[in-house]
Protein backbone atom coordinates (compact mmCIF):
# COMPACT_ATOMS: atom_id res chain seq x y z
CA UNK A 1 11.74 13.26 130.94
CA UNK A 2 14.87 12.30 132.72
CA UNK A 3 15.42 11.85 136.83
CA UNK A 4 19.59 12.66 135.86
CA UNK A 5 20.16 13.14 140.28
CA UNK A 6 17.92 12.65 142.72
CA UNK A 7 19.14 13.18 146.39
CA UNK A 8 17.48 13.06 149.86
CA UNK A 9 17.44 16.85 151.42
CA UNK A 10 15.81 16.90 154.98
CA UNK A 11 13.22 15.15 156.97
CA UNK A 12 10.52 17.24 158.89
CA UNK A 13 7.68 16.22 161.86
CA UNK A 14 5.62 18.87 160.51
CA UNK A 15 5.36 20.69 157.19
CA UNK A 16 5.54 21.40 154.27
CA UNK A 17 8.67 23.73 153.90
CA UNK A 18 7.62 26.77 151.71
CA UNK A 19 9.27 28.11 148.33
CA UNK A 20 11.56 25.88 147.97
CA UNK A 21 10.22 24.59 144.47
CA UNK A 22 7.20 22.38 142.70
CA UNK A 23 6.88 19.29 144.64
CA UNK A 24 5.14 15.96 143.75
CA UNK A 25 3.87 14.21 146.97
CA UNK A 26 3.88 10.60 147.20
CA UNK A 27 1.45 8.30 149.58
CA UNK A 28 -0.31 5.06 150.15
CA UNK A 29 -0.99 2.26 152.35
CA UNK A 30 2.29 1.07 154.71
CA UNK A 31 2.70 -1.95 152.62
CA UNK A 32 2.08 -0.68 149.10
CA UNK A 33 5.78 -0.13 148.45
CA UNK A 34 6.29 3.28 148.95
CA UNK A 35 10.01 3.63 149.53
CA UNK A 36 10.80 0.73 146.82
CA UNK A 37 8.66 3.26 144.30
CA UNK A 38 11.06 6.26 144.97
CA UNK A 39 13.86 3.71 144.89
CA UNK A 40 13.12 2.73 141.39
CA UNK A 41 12.45 6.28 140.10
CA UNK A 42 15.65 7.06 141.22
CA UNK A 43 17.73 4.00 140.43
CA UNK A 44 19.44 3.61 143.92
CA UNK A 45 17.98 1.17 146.24
CA UNK A 46 19.37 2.72 149.48
CA UNK A 47 17.67 6.29 148.33
CA UNK A 48 14.39 5.81 150.74
CA UNK A 49 14.36 3.57 153.47
CA UNK A 50 12.39 0.00 152.89
CA UNK A 51 11.60 -2.43 155.33
CA UNK A 52 9.82 -5.77 155.66
CA UNK A 53 8.10 -4.16 158.47
CA UNK A 54 5.35 -1.58 156.95
CA UNK A 55 5.05 1.87 158.01
CA UNK A 56 8.97 2.72 158.53
CA UNK A 57 8.35 6.27 157.07
CA UNK A 58 7.20 8.26 159.79
CA UNK A 59 8.33 11.74 159.06
CA UNK A 60 7.76 14.20 155.93
CA UNK A 61 11.10 13.20 153.52
CA UNK A 62 12.14 15.96 150.83
CA UNK A 63 13.94 14.23 148.01
CA UNK A 64 15.50 17.01 145.32
CA UNK A 65 15.49 15.65 141.71
CA UNK A 66 17.67 17.39 138.94
CA UNK A 67 19.01 19.80 141.00
CA UNK A 68 15.89 21.74 142.02
CA UNK A 69 13.44 21.00 139.07
CA UNK A 70 11.26 19.45 141.72
CA UNK A 71 11.09 17.83 144.71
CA UNK A 72 9.45 14.37 145.59
CA UNK A 73 8.03 14.51 149.01
CA UNK A 74 7.49 10.94 150.66
CA UNK A 75 4.73 11.16 153.14
CA UNK A 76 4.34 8.45 155.84
CA UNK A 77 2.12 5.63 155.03
CA UNK A 78 -0.99 4.71 156.27
CA UNK A 79 -3.49 1.73 157.10
CA UNK A 80 -1.38 -1.17 157.65
CA UNK A 81 1.37 -0.98 160.28
CA UNK A 82 1.23 -2.66 163.59
CA UNK A 83 1.16 0.48 165.44
CA UNK A 84 -0.93 2.06 168.48
CA UNK A 85 -4.44 3.89 167.28
CA UNK A 86 -2.30 7.19 168.40
CA UNK A 87 0.75 6.63 166.03
CA UNK A 88 -1.71 6.43 163.16
CA UNK A 89 -3.35 9.61 164.22
CA UNK A 90 -0.36 11.03 164.53
CA UNK A 91 0.50 9.94 160.76
CA UNK A 92 -2.51 11.15 159.22
CA UNK A 93 -2.16 14.70 160.93
CA UNK A 94 1.31 14.58 159.25
CA UNK A 95 -0.12 13.71 156.25
CA UNK A 96 -2.88 16.12 156.24
CA UNK A 97 -1.04 18.76 157.52
CA UNK A 98 1.17 18.67 154.18
CA UNK A 99 -1.78 18.31 151.86
CA UNK A 100 -3.79 21.37 153.56
CA UNK A 101 -0.40 23.59 153.64
CA UNK A 102 1.70 23.00 151.00
CA UNK A 103 1.63 26.05 148.38
CA UNK A 104 4.05 24.34 146.46
CA UNK A 105 2.22 21.08 145.72
CA UNK A 106 1.54 20.29 141.84
CA UNK A 107 0.47 16.68 142.17
CA UNK A 108 0.11 13.52 144.22
CA UNK A 109 1.24 9.84 143.06
CA UNK A 110 -1.33 7.24 145.46
CA UNK A 111 0.54 3.92 145.67
CA UNK A 112 -1.46 1.24 145.55
CA UNK A 113 -1.48 -3.18 145.41
CA UNK A 114 -2.66 -3.73 141.81
CA UNK A 115 -4.04 -6.50 143.55
CA UNK A 116 -6.52 -4.41 145.87
CA UNK A 117 -9.18 -2.47 144.22
CA UNK A 118 -11.24 -1.59 146.80
CA UNK A 119 -9.02 -0.54 150.11
CA UNK A 120 -11.06 1.84 152.51
CA UNK A 121 -7.70 3.58 152.57
CA UNK A 122 -6.78 4.23 149.21
CA UNK A 123 -10.45 5.36 148.83
CA UNK A 124 -10.40 7.58 151.66
CA UNK A 125 -7.40 9.39 150.01
CA UNK A 126 -8.82 9.69 146.78
CA UNK A 127 -12.12 11.22 148.09
CA UNK A 128 -10.10 13.42 150.25
CA UNK A 129 -8.36 14.06 146.84
CA UNK A 130 -11.59 15.41 145.22
CA UNK A 131 -13.36 17.25 147.93
CA UNK A 132 -9.99 19.40 148.27
CA UNK A 133 -9.25 19.36 144.29
CA UNK A 134 -5.72 17.88 144.63
CA UNK A 135 -4.75 16.30 141.38
CA UNK A 136 -3.39 13.00 141.31
CA UNK A 137 -2.83 9.74 140.15
CA UNK A 138 -3.11 5.87 140.92
CA UNK A 139 0.54 3.90 140.74
CA UNK A 140 -0.67 0.28 140.53
CA UNK A 141 2.22 -1.08 142.69
CA UNK A 142 3.27 -4.62 142.35
CA UNK A 143 2.07 -5.48 138.68
CA UNK A 144 4.65 -8.33 138.91
CA UNK A 145 2.15 -10.08 140.86
CA UNK A 146 -0.33 -10.01 138.42
CA UNK A 147 0.34 -12.11 135.07
CA UNK A 148 1.10 -10.02 131.94
CA UNK A 149 -1.88 -10.90 130.14
CA UNK A 150 -4.04 -9.82 133.34
CA UNK A 151 -2.41 -6.59 133.96
CA UNK A 152 -4.96 -4.44 131.91
CA UNK A 153 -7.73 -6.14 133.31
CA UNK A 154 -6.54 -5.88 136.85
CA UNK A 155 -6.46 -2.21 135.94
CA UNK A 156 -10.11 -1.66 135.12
CA UNK A 157 -11.00 -3.72 137.83
CA UNK A 158 -8.93 -1.53 140.43
CA UNK A 159 -10.44 1.63 138.46
CA UNK A 160 -13.84 0.32 139.26
CA UNK A 161 -13.14 -0.19 142.74
CA UNK A 162 -11.53 3.07 143.37
CA UNK A 163 -13.98 5.05 141.59
CA UNK A 164 -11.81 6.80 139.24
CA UNK A 165 -10.57 6.68 135.22
CA UNK A 166 -7.98 4.09 133.98
CA UNK A 167 -6.00 6.42 132.27
CA UNK A 168 -5.28 7.84 135.65
CA UNK A 169 -3.56 4.42 136.82
CA UNK A 170 -0.33 3.56 135.80
CA UNK A 171 1.01 -0.39 136.81
CA UNK A 172 4.26 -0.76 137.88
CA UNK A 173 6.58 -3.53 138.84
CA UNK A 174 9.87 -1.76 140.96
CA UNK A 175 10.53 -5.70 140.49
CA UNK A 176 10.65 -5.98 137.14
CA UNK A 177 11.32 -2.42 136.51
CA UNK A 178 8.28 -1.69 134.12
CA UNK A 179 6.51 1.22 134.24
CA UNK A 180 8.97 3.62 135.22
CA UNK A 181 8.55 5.48 131.37
CA UNK A 182 5.12 6.20 132.27
CA UNK A 183 5.69 7.61 135.35
CA UNK A 184 8.17 9.35 133.75
CA UNK A 185 5.91 10.94 130.93
CA UNK A 186 3.28 11.61 133.56
CA UNK A 187 6.12 13.81 135.64
CA UNK A 188 6.79 15.68 132.41
CA UNK A 189 2.97 16.72 132.36
CA UNK A 190 2.52 17.67 136.24
CA UNK A 191 5.34 19.91 135.70
CA UNK A 192 4.19 21.68 132.51
CA UNK A 193 1.02 22.26 134.12
CA UNK A 194 -1.18 19.53 132.60
CA UNK A 195 -3.08 17.46 135.86
CA UNK A 196 -6.01 17.00 133.75
CA UNK A 197 -6.23 13.04 133.13
CA UNK A 198 -9.02 11.27 131.40
C-alpha cells in the first residue's frame, strides 16, 4: 500500500459526512501523538496541526487519500487535555456521534503511548469497540521512548494491560520513522475487507 497523496478536505463539528468513500478513523488520548501519526503517514509535518498543548483537535477533520481511495478521519482526543468537564463531554459526544453514525467507517486506529499499558481512557475506548463490534488496531506510538531491545516486551505488556492480542498492536515512532510499513500493510488489509487480526 502506498499513500501517494493525502490532502485535508474539511472539518465538521457534527459528523459523519455521508457516502464519500471508505473511512479509517484515528482516535486516542490527547497527548498520544495522534496528529503526529497522521503527519508521519502523509510525509507532511504540517498536514494535521500539532501542538505542545494536548487537545487541539476539537472537530472531526477529514483527509482524502490517493484521490478518494479512502479517507482518514481525525477525531478529537480524549482524556488528558486541560479543559472543562463540559468541553470533555462535548468531545466525547462528537466521537461517539461519529462512531455510532458513520456508515463508511471500516476501521479505527487507536493511538496509545507504548509506555502506558493501562490507561483507563484507552481501555474504555477498546471496550466501546468490542461492544459495538468496531474493528480496531492499536497504534503504540512513541516507541522511540523505549530501547529497541525492549519494544517487543513493551508490546506484550501493553497487550496484557489493554486485553488485546499482541498481533493487533503496531509499534510506531513518528520521530524515528519506524512502523509505517506495518501500518500501510494493515491499511491494505482493511481496504480489502480483512478486519480479523490475531
